[in-house]
Amino acid sequence: MIDVEAELRTHPAVDDVALVGYPGGEFGEQVCAVVVARSTPVTLAELRKHLDDLGMTQWYQPTRLSLIPRLPRNGNGKVRRELLKRWLVGEAELD
């Protein structure tokens, strides 16, 4: 997922991004791109086209997009993915 995140960060509308798995889909989990947009909101279709243009297979691409003002991080600066996962399924709130 880190490679996909790095490629998504090259999109001009993306300031920051975290890919987070959430329950669903035929294999039990799907991937959501949680994005902090620059000045213009971006769509899932735009992100997927960007990844297509970079040659990334559909298998690794996100199937959902959530836009937020900032990614939650711990004291060490790491993205709190577990919090984002719980937020995506409605079990937690973001600060």
N, C-alpha and C. Protein backbone atom coordinates (compact mmCIF):
# COMPACT_ATOMS: atom_id res chain seq x y z
N MET A 1 0.81 -1.20 0.00
CA MET A 1 0.00 0.00 0.00
C MET A 1 0.86 1.26 0.00
N ILE A 2 2.05 1.16 0.53
CA ILE A 2 2.91 2.34 0.60
C ILE A 2 3.24 2.84 -0.79
N ASP A 3 3.47 1.93 -1.75
CA ASP A 3 3.75 2.35 -3.12
C ASP A 3 2.56 3.08 -3.72
N VAL A 4 1.35 2.61 -3.46
CA VAL A 4 0.15 3.25 -3.98
C VAL A 4 0.01 4.64 -3.35
N GLU A 5 0.25 4.73 -2.05
CA GLU A 5 0.18 6.04 -1.38
C GLU A 5 1.18 7.01 -2.00
N ALA A 6 2.39 6.54 -2.24
CA ALA A 6 3.41 7.41 -2.84
C ALA A 6 2.97 7.90 -4.20
N GLU A 7 2.37 7.04 -5.00
CA GLU A 7 1.90 7.45 -6.32
C GLU A 7 0.72 8.42 -6.21
N LEU A 8 -0.16 8.19 -5.25
CA LEU A 8 -1.29 9.11 -5.08
C LEU A 8 -0.82 10.50 -4.65
N ARG A 9 0.26 10.55 -3.88
CA ARG A 9 0.80 11.85 -3.46
C ARG A 9 1.34 12.67 -4.64
N THR A 10 1.59 12.02 -5.78
CA THR A 10 2.07 12.75 -6.95
C THR A 10 0.93 13.44 -7.70
N HIS A 11 -0.31 13.13 -7.33
CA HIS A 11 -1.46 13.80 -7.96
C HIS A 11 -1.47 15.25 -7.48
N PRO A 12 -1.65 16.21 -8.39
CA PRO A 12 -1.58 17.63 -7.99
C PRO A 12 -2.63 18.08 -6.99
N ALA A 13 -3.74 17.36 -6.85
CA ALA A 13 -4.79 17.77 -5.91
C ALA A 13 -4.63 17.12 -4.53
N VAL A 14 -3.64 16.21 -4.38
CA VAL A 14 -3.47 15.48 -3.12
C VAL A 14 -2.33 16.08 -2.31
N ASP A 15 -2.67 16.47 -1.08
CA ASP A 15 -1.64 16.97 -0.16
C ASP A 15 -1.09 15.82 0.68
N ASP A 16 -1.98 14.96 1.16
CA ASP A 16 -1.57 13.82 1.98
C ASP A 16 -2.60 12.72 1.77
N VAL A 17 -2.21 11.48 2.03
CA VAL A 17 -3.11 10.35 1.82
C VAL A 17 -2.70 9.18 2.69
N ALA A 18 -3.71 8.42 3.10
CA ALA A 18 -3.48 7.13 3.77
C ALA A 18 -4.46 6.14 3.17
N LEU A 19 -3.98 4.97 2.82
CA LEU A 19 -4.86 3.91 2.36
C LEU A 19 -5.22 3.05 3.56
N VAL A 20 -6.52 2.78 3.71
CA VAL A 20 -7.00 2.05 4.87
C VAL A 20 -7.96 0.96 4.41
N GLY A 21 -7.74 -0.25 4.88
CA GLY A 21 -8.65 -1.35 4.58
C GLY A 21 -9.89 -1.25 5.45
N TYR A 22 -11.02 -1.66 4.89
CA TYR A 22 -12.26 -1.69 5.64
C TYR A 22 -13.05 -2.91 5.17
N PRO A 23 -13.94 -3.44 6.02
CA PRO A 23 -14.68 -4.66 5.67
C PRO A 23 -15.56 -4.46 4.44
N GLY A 24 -15.60 -5.49 3.59
CA GLY A 24 -16.46 -5.48 2.41
C GLY A 24 -15.77 -6.10 1.23
N GLY A 25 -16.52 -6.33 0.18
CA GLY A 25 -15.94 -6.88 -1.04
C GLY A 25 -15.87 -8.39 -1.01
N GLU A 26 -15.56 -8.97 -2.14
CA GLU A 26 -15.57 -10.43 -2.25
C GLU A 26 -14.43 -11.09 -1.47
N PHE A 27 -13.36 -10.36 -1.16
CA PHE A 27 -12.24 -10.93 -0.42
C PHE A 27 -12.22 -10.50 1.04
N GLY A 28 -13.31 -9.88 1.50
CA GLY A 28 -13.44 -9.52 2.90
C GLY A 28 -12.95 -8.13 3.27
N GLU A 29 -12.20 -7.49 2.39
CA GLU A 29 -11.70 -6.14 2.70
C GLU A 29 -11.52 -5.35 1.40
N GLN A 30 -11.85 -4.07 1.49
CA GLN A 30 -11.63 -3.14 0.39
C GLN A 30 -10.71 -2.04 0.89
N VAL A 31 -10.27 -1.18 -0.04
CA VAL A 31 -9.33 -0.12 0.35
C VAL A 31 -9.94 1.25 0.08
N CYS A 32 -9.84 2.10 1.09
CA CYS A 32 -10.30 3.48 0.99
C CYS A 32 -9.09 4.40 0.98
N ALA A 33 -9.10 5.36 0.08
CA ALA A 33 -8.08 6.41 0.08
C ALA A 33 -8.63 7.55 0.94
N VAL A 34 -8.00 7.78 2.07
CA VAL A 34 -8.38 8.90 2.93
C VAL A 34 -7.43 10.03 2.56
N VAL A 35 -7.99 11.09 1.98
CA VAL A 35 -7.18 12.11 1.33
C VAL A 35 -7.36 13.48 1.97
N VAL A 36 -6.25 14.16 2.14
CA VAL A 36 -6.23 15.58 2.47
C VAL A 36 -5.95 16.27 1.14
N ALA A 37 -6.98 16.98 0.64
CA ALA A 37 -6.84 17.63 -0.67
C ALA A 37 -6.11 18.96 -0.51
N ARG A 38 -5.49 19.39 -1.59
CA ARG A 38 -4.85 20.71 -1.60
C ARG A 38 -5.95 21.75 -1.60
N SER A 39 -6.16 22.47 -2.67
CA SER A 39 -7.20 23.48 -2.69
C SER A 39 -8.46 23.01 -3.42
N THR A 40 -8.30 22.05 -4.32
CA THR A 40 -9.43 21.55 -5.11
C THR A 40 -9.72 20.11 -4.71
N PRO A 41 -10.96 19.81 -4.34
CA PRO A 41 -11.28 18.41 -4.02
C PRO A 41 -11.05 17.50 -5.23
N VAL A 42 -10.67 16.29 -4.96
CA VAL A 42 -10.39 15.31 -5.99
C VAL A 42 -11.45 14.22 -5.91
N THR A 43 -11.70 13.53 -7.02
CA THR A 43 -12.67 12.45 -7.03
C THR A 43 -11.96 11.10 -7.08
N LEU A 44 -12.68 10.06 -6.73
CA LEU A 44 -12.13 8.71 -6.81
C LEU A 44 -11.77 8.38 -8.26
N ALA A 45 -12.62 8.77 -9.19
CA ALA A 45 -12.35 8.51 -10.61
C ALA A 45 -11.05 9.18 -11.06
N GLU A 46 -10.80 10.40 -10.59
CA GLU A 46 -9.56 11.09 -10.95
C GLU A 46 -8.34 10.38 -10.38
N LEU A 47 -8.46 9.92 -9.13
CA LEU A 47 -7.34 9.20 -8.51
C LEU A 47 -7.06 7.89 -9.23
N ARG A 48 -8.13 7.17 -9.57
CA ARG A 48 -7.95 5.89 -10.26
C ARG A 48 -7.36 6.09 -11.67
N LYS A 49 -7.78 7.14 -12.35
CA LYS A 49 -7.21 7.44 -13.67
C LYS A 49 -5.72 7.77 -13.54
N HIS A 50 -5.38 8.54 -12.51
CA HIS A 50 -3.98 8.88 -12.25
C HIS A 50 -3.16 7.61 -12.07
N LEU A 51 -3.67 6.67 -11.28
CA LEU A 51 -2.96 5.42 -11.05
C LEU A 51 -2.91 4.58 -12.33
N ASP A 52 -4.00 4.58 -13.09
CA ASP A 52 -4.00 3.88 -14.39
C ASP A 52 -2.91 4.43 -15.29
N ASP A 53 -2.83 5.77 -15.36
CA ASP A 53 -1.83 6.42 -16.21
C ASP A 53 -0.40 6.08 -15.79
N LEU A 54 -0.23 5.76 -14.51
CA LEU A 54 1.09 5.38 -14.01
C LEU A 54 1.36 3.88 -14.17
N GLY A 55 0.36 3.17 -14.73
CA GLY A 55 0.53 1.74 -14.97
C GLY A 55 0.21 0.85 -13.79
N MET A 56 -0.47 1.37 -12.78
CA MET A 56 -0.78 0.58 -11.60
C MET A 56 -2.02 -0.27 -11.86
N THR A 57 -1.93 -1.54 -11.56
CA THR A 57 -3.03 -2.46 -11.78
C THR A 57 -4.25 -2.09 -10.93
N GLN A 58 -5.43 -2.40 -11.43
CA GLN A 58 -6.69 -2.11 -10.73
C GLN A 58 -6.74 -2.79 -9.37
N TRP A 59 -6.08 -3.93 -9.26
CA TRP A 59 -6.10 -4.73 -8.02
C TRP A 59 -5.66 -3.90 -6.81
N TYR A 60 -4.70 -3.00 -6.99
CA TYR A 60 -4.14 -2.23 -5.88
C TYR A 60 -4.83 -0.89 -5.67
N GLN A 61 -5.76 -0.54 -6.52
CA GLN A 61 -6.36 0.79 -6.46
C GLN A 61 -7.49 0.86 -5.44
N PRO A 62 -7.66 2.03 -4.81
CA PRO A 62 -8.74 2.19 -3.84
C PRO A 62 -10.11 2.09 -4.51
N THR A 63 -11.09 1.63 -3.73
CA THR A 63 -12.46 1.51 -4.21
C THR A 63 -13.38 2.54 -3.57
N ARG A 64 -12.83 3.33 -2.68
CA ARG A 64 -13.60 4.34 -1.95
C ARG A 64 -12.69 5.52 -1.67
N LEU A 65 -13.29 6.70 -1.53
CA LEU A 65 -12.53 7.91 -1.22
C LEU A 65 -13.23 8.67 -0.11
N SER A 66 -12.47 9.11 0.87
CA SER A 66 -12.97 10.00 1.92
C SER A 66 -12.02 11.19 2.00
N LEU A 67 -12.60 12.39 1.99
CA LEU A 67 -11.80 13.61 2.11
C LEU A 67 -11.90 14.12 3.54
N ILE A 68 -10.76 14.44 4.13
CA ILE A 68 -10.72 14.98 5.48
C ILE A 68 -9.72 16.13 5.52
N PRO A 69 -9.86 17.03 6.53
CA PRO A 69 -8.96 18.19 6.59
C PRO A 69 -7.52 17.85 6.98
N ARG A 70 -7.32 16.78 7.77
CA ARG A 70 -5.97 16.36 8.15
C ARG A 70 -6.00 14.92 8.62
N LEU A 71 -4.91 14.22 8.41
CA LEU A 71 -4.81 12.83 8.86
C LEU A 71 -4.49 12.80 10.35
N PRO A 72 -5.15 11.93 11.11
CA PRO A 72 -4.82 11.80 12.54
C PRO A 72 -3.48 11.09 12.68
N ARG A 73 -2.62 11.65 13.52
CA ARG A 73 -1.28 11.07 13.71
C ARG A 73 -1.01 10.88 15.20
N ASN A 74 -0.14 9.92 15.51
CA ASN A 74 0.25 9.70 16.90
C ASN A 74 1.41 10.64 17.26
N GLY A 75 1.93 10.51 18.44
CA GLY A 75 3.01 11.36 18.90
C GLY A 75 4.29 11.24 18.09
N ASN A 76 4.46 10.13 17.39
CA ASN A 76 5.63 9.92 16.54
C ASN A 76 5.41 10.36 15.11
N GLY A 77 4.22 10.91 14.82
CA GLY A 77 3.93 11.38 13.47
C GLY A 77 3.38 10.33 12.52
N LYS A 78 3.15 9.11 13.02
CA LYS A 78 2.61 8.05 12.17
C LYS A 78 1.08 8.18 12.08
N VAL A 79 0.55 7.89 10.90
CA VAL A 79 -0.89 7.94 10.69
C VAL A 79 -1.56 6.88 11.55
N ARG A 80 -2.62 7.27 12.21
CA ARG A 80 -3.38 6.36 13.07
C ARG A 80 -4.39 5.59 12.21
N ARG A 81 -3.89 4.59 11.50
CA ARG A 81 -4.71 3.83 10.56
C ARG A 81 -5.86 3.09 11.24
N GLU A 82 -5.61 2.56 12.43
CA GLU A 82 -6.66 1.83 13.13
C GLU A 82 -7.83 2.77 13.47
N LEU A 83 -7.52 4.01 13.86
CA LEU A 83 -8.57 5.00 14.11
C LEU A 83 -9.33 5.29 12.82
N LEU A 84 -8.61 5.47 11.71
CA LEU A 84 -9.26 5.72 10.43
C LEU A 84 -10.16 4.55 10.04
N LYS A 85 -9.71 3.34 10.26
CA LYS A 85 -10.50 2.16 9.93
C LYS A 85 -11.79 2.14 10.75
N ARG A 86 -11.68 2.41 12.04
CA ARG A 86 -12.89 2.44 12.89
C ARG A 86 -13.81 3.58 12.47
N TRP A 87 -13.25 4.71 12.06
CA TRP A 87 -14.04 5.85 11.58
C TRP A 87 -14.80 5.49 10.30
N LEU A 88 -14.14 4.78 9.40
CA LEU A 88 -14.77 4.41 8.13
C LEU A 88 -15.99 3.53 8.32
N VAL A 89 -16.00 2.71 9.36
CA VAL A 89 -17.15 1.83 9.60
C VAL A 89 -18.10 2.41 10.64
N GLY A 90 -17.87 3.66 11.03
CA GLY A 90 -18.79 4.35 11.94
C GLY A 90 -18.61 4.02 13.42
N GLU A 91 -17.45 3.50 13.80
CA GLU A 91 -17.22 3.13 15.19
C GLU A 91 -16.37 4.15 15.96
N ALA A 92 -15.91 5.20 15.30
CA ALA A 92 -15.07 6.19 15.95
C ALA A 92 -15.27 7.55 15.29
N GLU A 93 -14.89 8.58 16.01
CA GLU A 93 -14.93 9.94 15.46
C GLU A 93 -13.50 10.46 15.35
N LEU A 94 -13.29 11.31 14.38
CA LEU A 94 -11.99 11.94 14.23
C LEU A 94 -11.99 13.26 14.97
N ASP A 95 -10.86 13.62 15.52
CA ASP A 95 -10.74 14.90 16.24
C ASP A 95 -10.86 16.06 15.29
